Amino acid sequence: MPSGIKAILSLIVLIVGGVIYWYDSQSGNEQLGLVSVGLSVFMVLAMWIFPETGSRKGSK
């Protein structure tokens, strides 16, 4: 995946995680919001750290 697309997707995921945290903390469930933020950060880190899988040429 190109770096530009990864950056845009990372930004979207972090914004959604922040909005979910805000919504959950306004509802009085701050722990669930922290879980949402943690998962968002984990997803972004995993996307940047782990490479994409691809097919090898010549293998069946």
PDB file of N, CA and C in Angstrom:
ATOM      1  N   MET A   1       0.856  -1.169   0.000  1.00  0.00           N
ATOM      2  CA  MET A   1       0.000   0.000   0.000  1.00  0.00           C
ATOM      3  C   MET A   1       0.903   1.233   0.000  1.00  0.00           C
ATOM      4  N   PRO A   2       0.635   2.183  -0.845  1.00  0.00           N
ATOM      5  CA  PRO A   2       1.451   3.398  -0.882  1.00  0.00           C
ATOM      6  C   PRO A   2       1.378   4.177   0.433  1.00  0.00           C
ATOM      7  N   SER A   3       2.462   4.873   0.725  1.00  0.00           N
ATOM      8  CA  SER A   3       2.552   5.600   1.998  1.00  0.00           C
ATOM      9  C   SER A   3       1.496   6.692   2.126  1.00  0.00           C
ATOM     10  N   GLY A   4       1.147   7.327   1.038  1.00  0.00           N
ATOM     11  CA  GLY A   4       0.124   8.370   1.094  1.00  0.00           C
ATOM     12  C   GLY A   4      -1.232   7.826   1.527  1.00  0.00           C
ATOM     13  N   ILE A   5      -1.583   6.669   1.000  1.00  0.00           N
ATOM     14  CA  ILE A   5      -2.850   6.044   1.379  1.00  0.00           C
ATOM     15  C   ILE A   5      -2.800   5.592   2.831  1.00  0.00           C
ATOM     16  N   LYS A   6      -1.650   5.052   3.256  1.00  0.00           N
ATOM     17  CA  LYS A   6      -1.501   4.651   4.659  1.00  0.00           C
ATOM     18  C   LYS A   6      -1.656   5.850   5.592  1.00  0.00           C
ATOM     19  N   ALA A   7      -1.089   6.976   5.207  1.00  0.00           N
ATOM     20  CA  ALA A   7      -1.170   8.171   6.049  1.00  0.00           C
ATOM     21  C   ALA A   7      -2.611   8.666   6.165  1.00  0.00           C
ATOM     22  N   ILE A   8      -3.326   8.692   5.053  1.00  0.00           N
ATOM     23  CA  ILE A   8      -4.722   9.132   5.084  1.00  0.00           C
ATOM     24  C   ILE A   8      -5.569   8.171   5.904  1.00  0.00           C
ATOM     25  N   LEU A   9      -5.369   6.873   5.700  1.00  0.00           N
ATOM     26  CA  LEU A   9      -6.115   5.874   6.453  1.00  0.00           C
ATOM     27  C   LEU A   9      -5.787   5.947   7.942  1.00  0.00           C
ATOM     28  N   SER A  10      -4.525   6.186   8.272  1.00  0.00           N
ATOM     29  CA  SER A  10      -4.129   6.334   9.673  1.00  0.00           C
ATOM     30  C   SER A  10      -4.821   7.526  10.311  1.00  0.00           C
ATOM     31  N   LEU A  11      -4.867   8.623   9.595  1.00  0.00           N
ATOM     32  CA  LEU A  11      -5.531   9.821  10.110  1.00  0.00           C
ATOM     33  C   LEU A  11      -7.022   9.580  10.343  1.00  0.00           C
ATOM     34  N   ILE A  12      -7.667   8.898   9.402  1.00  0.00           N
ATOM     35  CA  ILE A  12      -9.093   8.601   9.551  1.00  0.00           C
ATOM     36  C   ILE A  12      -9.337   7.708  10.761  1.00  0.00           C
ATOM     37  N   VAL A  13      -8.510   6.674  10.924  1.00  0.00           N
ATOM     38  CA  VAL A  13      -8.679   5.749  12.052  1.00  0.00           C
ATOM     39  C   VAL A  13      -8.475   6.474  13.375  1.00  0.00           C
ATOM     40  N   LEU A  14      -7.473   7.342  13.458  1.00  0.00           N
ATOM     41  CA  LEU A  14      -7.230   8.066  14.705  1.00  0.00           C
ATOM     42  C   LEU A  14      -8.340   9.076  15.004  1.00  0.00           C
ATOM     43  N   ILE A  15      -8.871   9.713  13.981  1.00  0.00           N
ATOM     44  CA  ILE A  15      -9.985  10.647  14.195  1.00  0.00           C
ATOM     45  C   ILE A  15     -11.219   9.899  14.686  1.00  0.00           C
ATOM     46  N   VAL A  16     -11.519   8.764  14.062  1.00  0.00           N
ATOM     47  CA  VAL A  16     -12.676   7.974  14.497  1.00  0.00           C
ATOM     48  C   VAL A  16     -12.477   7.482  15.928  1.00  0.00           C
ATOM     49  N   GLY A  17     -11.261   7.047  16.270  1.00  0.00           N
ATOM     50  CA  GLY A  17     -10.984   6.633  17.643  1.00  0.00           C
ATOM     51  C   GLY A  17     -11.168   7.764  18.633  1.00  0.00           C
ATOM     52  N   GLY A  18     -10.754   8.967  18.254  1.00  0.00           N
ATOM     53  CA  GLY A  18     -10.941  10.126  19.124  1.00  0.00           C
ATOM     54  C   GLY A  18     -12.403  10.491  19.300  1.00  0.00           C
ATOM     55  N   VAL A  19     -13.171  10.400  18.216  1.00  0.00           N
ATOM     56  CA  VAL A  19     -14.605  10.693  18.300  1.00  0.00           C
ATOM     57  C   VAL A  19     -15.311   9.666  19.176  1.00  0.00           C
ATOM     58  N   ILE A  20     -14.941   8.404  19.039  1.00  0.00           N
ATOM     59  CA  ILE A  20     -15.546   7.363  19.880  1.00  0.00           C
ATOM     60  C   ILE A  20     -15.179   7.581  21.337  1.00  0.00           C
ATOM     61  N   TYR A  21     -13.925   7.975  21.599  1.00  0.00           N
ATOM     62  CA  TYR A  21     -13.532   8.266  22.982  1.00  0.00           C
ATOM     63  C   TYR A  21     -14.356   9.425  23.541  1.00  0.00           C
ATOM     64  N   TRP A  22     -14.505  10.477  22.759  1.00  0.00           N
ATOM     65  CA  TRP A  22     -15.289  11.634  23.215  1.00  0.00           C
ATOM     66  C   TRP A  22     -16.734  11.234  23.501  1.00  0.00           C
ATOM     67  N   TYR A  23     -17.326  10.469  22.585  1.00  0.00           N
ATOM     68  CA  TYR A  23     -18.716  10.039  22.763  1.00  0.00           C
ATOM     69  C   TYR A  23     -18.863   9.164  24.007  1.00  0.00           C
ATOM     70  N   ASP A  24     -17.949   8.208  24.187  1.00  0.00           N
ATOM     71  CA  ASP A  24     -18.035   7.323  25.348  1.00  0.00           C
ATOM     72  C   ASP A  24     -17.796   8.071  26.651  1.00  0.00           C
ATOM     73  N   SER A  25     -16.868   9.020  26.659  1.00  0.00           N
ATOM     74  CA  SER A  25     -16.619   9.763  27.897  1.00  0.00           C
ATOM     75  C   SER A  25     -17.788  10.693  28.226  1.00  0.00           C
ATOM     76  N   GLN A  26     -18.475  11.211  27.207  1.00  0.00           N
ATOM     77  CA  GLN A  26     -19.664  12.024  27.452  1.00  0.00           C
ATOM     78  C   GLN A  26     -20.818  11.175  27.990  1.00  0.00           C
ATOM     79  N   SER A  27     -20.823   9.897  27.601  1.00  0.00           N
ATOM     80  CA  SER A  27     -21.861   8.981  28.067  1.00  0.00           C
ATOM     81  C   SER A  27     -21.564   8.438  29.455  1.00  0.00           C
ATOM     82  N   GLY A  28     -20.380   8.730  29.978  1.00  0.00           N
ATOM     83  CA  GLY A  28     -20.015   8.271  31.307  1.00  0.00           C
ATOM     84  C   GLY A  28     -19.276   6.951  31.321  1.00  0.00           C
ATOM     85  N   ASN A  29     -18.845   6.474  30.168  1.00  0.00           N
ATOM     86  CA  ASN A  29     -18.143   5.197  30.089  1.00  0.00           C
ATOM     87  C   ASN A  29     -16.736   5.437  29.541  1.00  0.00           C
ATOM     88  N   GLU A  30     -15.905   6.062  30.350  1.00  0.00           N
ATOM     89  CA  GLU A  30     -14.581   6.467  29.886  1.00  0.00           C
ATOM     90  C   GLU A  30     -13.662   5.274  29.633  1.00  0.00           C
ATOM     91  N   GLN A  31     -13.851   4.184  30.358  1.00  0.00           N
ATOM     92  CA  GLN A  31     -12.993   3.012  30.158  1.00  0.00           C
ATOM     93  C   GLN A  31     -13.164   2.430  28.761  1.00  0.00           C
ATOM     94  N   LEU A  32     -14.392   2.367  28.286  1.00  0.00           N
ATOM     95  CA  LEU A  32     -14.630   1.870  26.934  1.00  0.00           C
ATOM     96  C   LEU A  32     -14.003   2.804  25.903  1.00  0.00           C
ATOM     97  N   GLY A  33     -14.025   4.087  26.162  1.00  0.00           N
ATOM     98  CA  GLY A  33     -13.383   5.044  25.272  1.00  0.00           C
ATOM     99  C   GLY A  33     -11.883   4.843  25.208  1.00  0.00           C
ATOM    100  N   LEU A  34     -11.277   4.544  26.358  1.00  0.00           N
ATOM    101  CA  LEU A  34      -9.835   4.281  26.375  1.00  0.00           C
ATOM    102  C   LEU A  34      -9.496   3.011  25.604  1.00  0.00           C
ATOM    103  N   VAL A  35     -10.357   2.010  25.688  1.00  0.00           N
ATOM    104  CA  VAL A  35     -10.154   0.793  24.903  1.00  0.00           C
ATOM    105  C   VAL A  35     -10.225   1.123  23.413  1.00  0.00           C
ATOM    106  N   SER A  36     -11.158   1.961  23.030  1.00  0.00           N
ATOM    107  CA  SER A  36     -11.299   2.355  21.628  1.00  0.00           C
ATOM    108  C   SER A  36     -10.061   3.096  21.127  1.00  0.00           C
ATOM    109  N   VAL A  37      -9.540   3.999  21.940  1.00  0.00           N
ATOM    110  CA  VAL A  37      -8.326   4.727  21.558  1.00  0.00           C
ATOM    111  C   VAL A  37      -7.147   3.770  21.453  1.00  0.00           C
ATOM    112  N   GLY A  38      -7.039   2.854  22.400  1.00  0.00           N
ATOM    113  CA  GLY A  38      -5.954   1.873  22.362  1.00  0.00           C
ATOM    114  C   GLY A  38      -6.014   1.006  21.121  1.00  0.00           C
ATOM    115  N   LEU A  39      -7.207   0.564  20.765  1.00  0.00           N
ATOM    116  CA  LEU A  39      -7.350  -0.245  19.558  1.00  0.00           C
ATOM    117  C   LEU A  39      -7.041   0.562  18.301  1.00  0.00           C
ATOM    118  N   SER A  40      -7.416   1.810  18.284  1.00  0.00           N
ATOM    119  CA  SER A  40      -7.117   2.664  17.128  1.00  0.00           C
ATOM    120  C   SER A  40      -5.614   2.825  16.939  1.00  0.00           C
ATOM    121  N   VAL A  41      -4.925   3.091  18.035  1.00  0.00           N
ATOM    122  CA  VAL A  41      -3.469   3.244  17.962  1.00  0.00           C
ATOM    123  C   VAL A  41      -2.820   1.932  17.546  1.00  0.00           C
ATOM    124  N   PHE A  42      -3.310   0.815  18.085  1.00  0.00           N
ATOM    125  CA  PHE A  42      -2.767  -0.489  17.717  1.00  0.00           C
ATOM    126  C   PHE A  42      -2.966  -0.772  16.228  1.00  0.00           C
ATOM    127  N   MET A  43      -4.139  -0.443  15.695  1.00  0.00           N
ATOM    128  CA  MET A  43      -4.395  -0.675  14.273  1.00  0.00           C
ATOM    129  C   MET A  43      -3.456   0.144  13.393  1.00  0.00           C
ATOM    130  N   VAL A  44      -3.221   1.385  13.776  1.00  0.00           N
ATOM    131  CA  VAL A  44      -2.330   2.236  12.978  1.00  0.00           C
ATOM    132  C   VAL A  44      -0.898   1.707  13.044  1.00  0.00           C
ATOM    133  N   LEU A  45      -0.440   1.353  14.239  1.00  0.00           N
ATOM    134  CA  LEU A  45       0.918   0.817  14.363  1.00  0.00           C
ATOM    135  C   LEU A  45       1.074  -0.481  13.589  1.00  0.00           C
ATOM    136  N   ALA A  46       0.086  -1.351  13.660  1.00  0.00           N
ATOM    137  CA  ALA A  46       0.162  -2.620  12.942  1.00  0.00           C
ATOM    138  C   ALA A  46       0.196  -2.398  11.434  1.00  0.00           C
ATOM    139  N   MET A  47      -0.538  -1.420  10.954  1.00  0.00           N
ATOM    140  CA  MET A  47      -0.555  -1.147   9.521  1.00  0.00           C
ATOM    141  C   MET A  47       0.818  -0.671   9.047  1.00  0.00           C
ATOM    142  N   TRP A  48       1.516   0.107   9.863  1.00  0.00           N
ATOM    143  CA  TRP A  48       2.812   0.637   9.453  1.00  0.00           C
ATOM    144  C   TRP A  48       3.944  -0.355   9.695  1.00  0.00           C
ATOM    145  N   ILE A  49       3.814  -1.215  10.704  1.00  0.00           N
ATOM    146  CA  ILE A  49       4.911  -2.126  11.041  1.00  0.00           C
ATOM    147  C   ILE A  49       4.913  -3.373  10.166  1.00  0.00           C
ATOM    148  N   PHE A  50       3.761  -4.023  10.035  1.00  0.00           N
ATOM    149  CA  PHE A  50       3.712  -5.301   9.333  1.00  0.00           C
ATOM    150  C   PHE A  50       3.521  -5.082   7.843  1.00  0.00           C
ATOM    151  N   PRO A  51       4.327  -5.770   7.027  1.00  0.00           N
ATOM    152  CA  PRO A  51       4.215  -5.593   5.575  1.00  0.00           C
ATOM    153  C   PRO A  51       2.984  -6.310   5.023  1.00  0.00           C
ATOM    154  N   GLU A  52       2.628  -5.930   3.813  1.00  0.00           N
ATOM    155  CA  GLU A  52       1.516  -6.594   3.142  1.00  0.00           C
ATOM    156  C   GLU A  52       1.957  -7.972   2.686  1.00  0.00           C
ATOM    157  N   THR A  53       1.002  -8.879   2.622  1.00  0.00           N
ATOM    158  CA  THR A  53       1.311 -10.184   2.056  1.00  0.00           C
ATOM    159  C   THR A  53       1.164 -10.095   0.552  1.00  0.00           C
ATOM    160  N   GLY A  54       1.991 -10.823  -0.134  1.00  0.00           N
ATOM    161  CA  GLY A  54       1.932 -10.812  -1.583  1.00  0.00           C
ATOM    162  C   GLY A  54       2.226 -12.193  -2.118  1.00  0.00           C
ATOM    163  N   SER A  55       1.895 -12.409  -3.350  1.00  0.00           N
ATOM    164  CA  SER A  55       2.158 -13.714  -3.946  1.00  0.00           C
ATOM    165  C   SER A  55       3.575 -13.734  -4.497  1.00  0.00           C
ATOM    166  N   ARG A  56       4.187 -14.883  -4.395  1.00  0.00           N
ATOM    167  CA  ARG A  56       5.538 -15.046  -4.944  1.00  0.00           C
ATOM    168  C   ARG A  56       5.431 -15.492  -6.389  1.00  0.00           C
ATOM    169  N   LYS A  57       6.315 -14.993  -7.194  1.00  0.00           N
ATOM    170  CA  LYS A  57       6.314 -15.389  -8.595  1.00  0.00           C
ATOM    171  C   LYS A  57       6.928 -16.781  -8.710  1.00  0.00           C
ATOM    172  N   GLY A  58       6.276 -17.628  -9.473  1.00  0.00           N
ATOM    173  CA  GLY A  58       6.791 -18.963  -9.706  1.00  0.00           C
ATOM    174  C   GLY A  58       6.268 -20.006  -8.738  1.00  0.00           C
ATOM    175  N   SER A  59       5.605 -19.628  -7.668  1.00  0.00           N
ATOM    176  CA  SER A  59       5.066 -20.628  -6.742  1.00  0.00           C
ATOM    177  C   SER A  59       3.625 -20.938  -7.118  1.00  0.00           C
ATOM    178  N   LYS A  60       3.230 -22.173  -6.861  1.00  0.00           N
ATOM    179  CA  LYS A  60       1.878 -22.604  -7.241  1.00  0.00           C
ATOM    180  C   LYS A  60       0.978 -22.660  -6.054  1.00  0.00           C
TER     181      LYS A  60
END
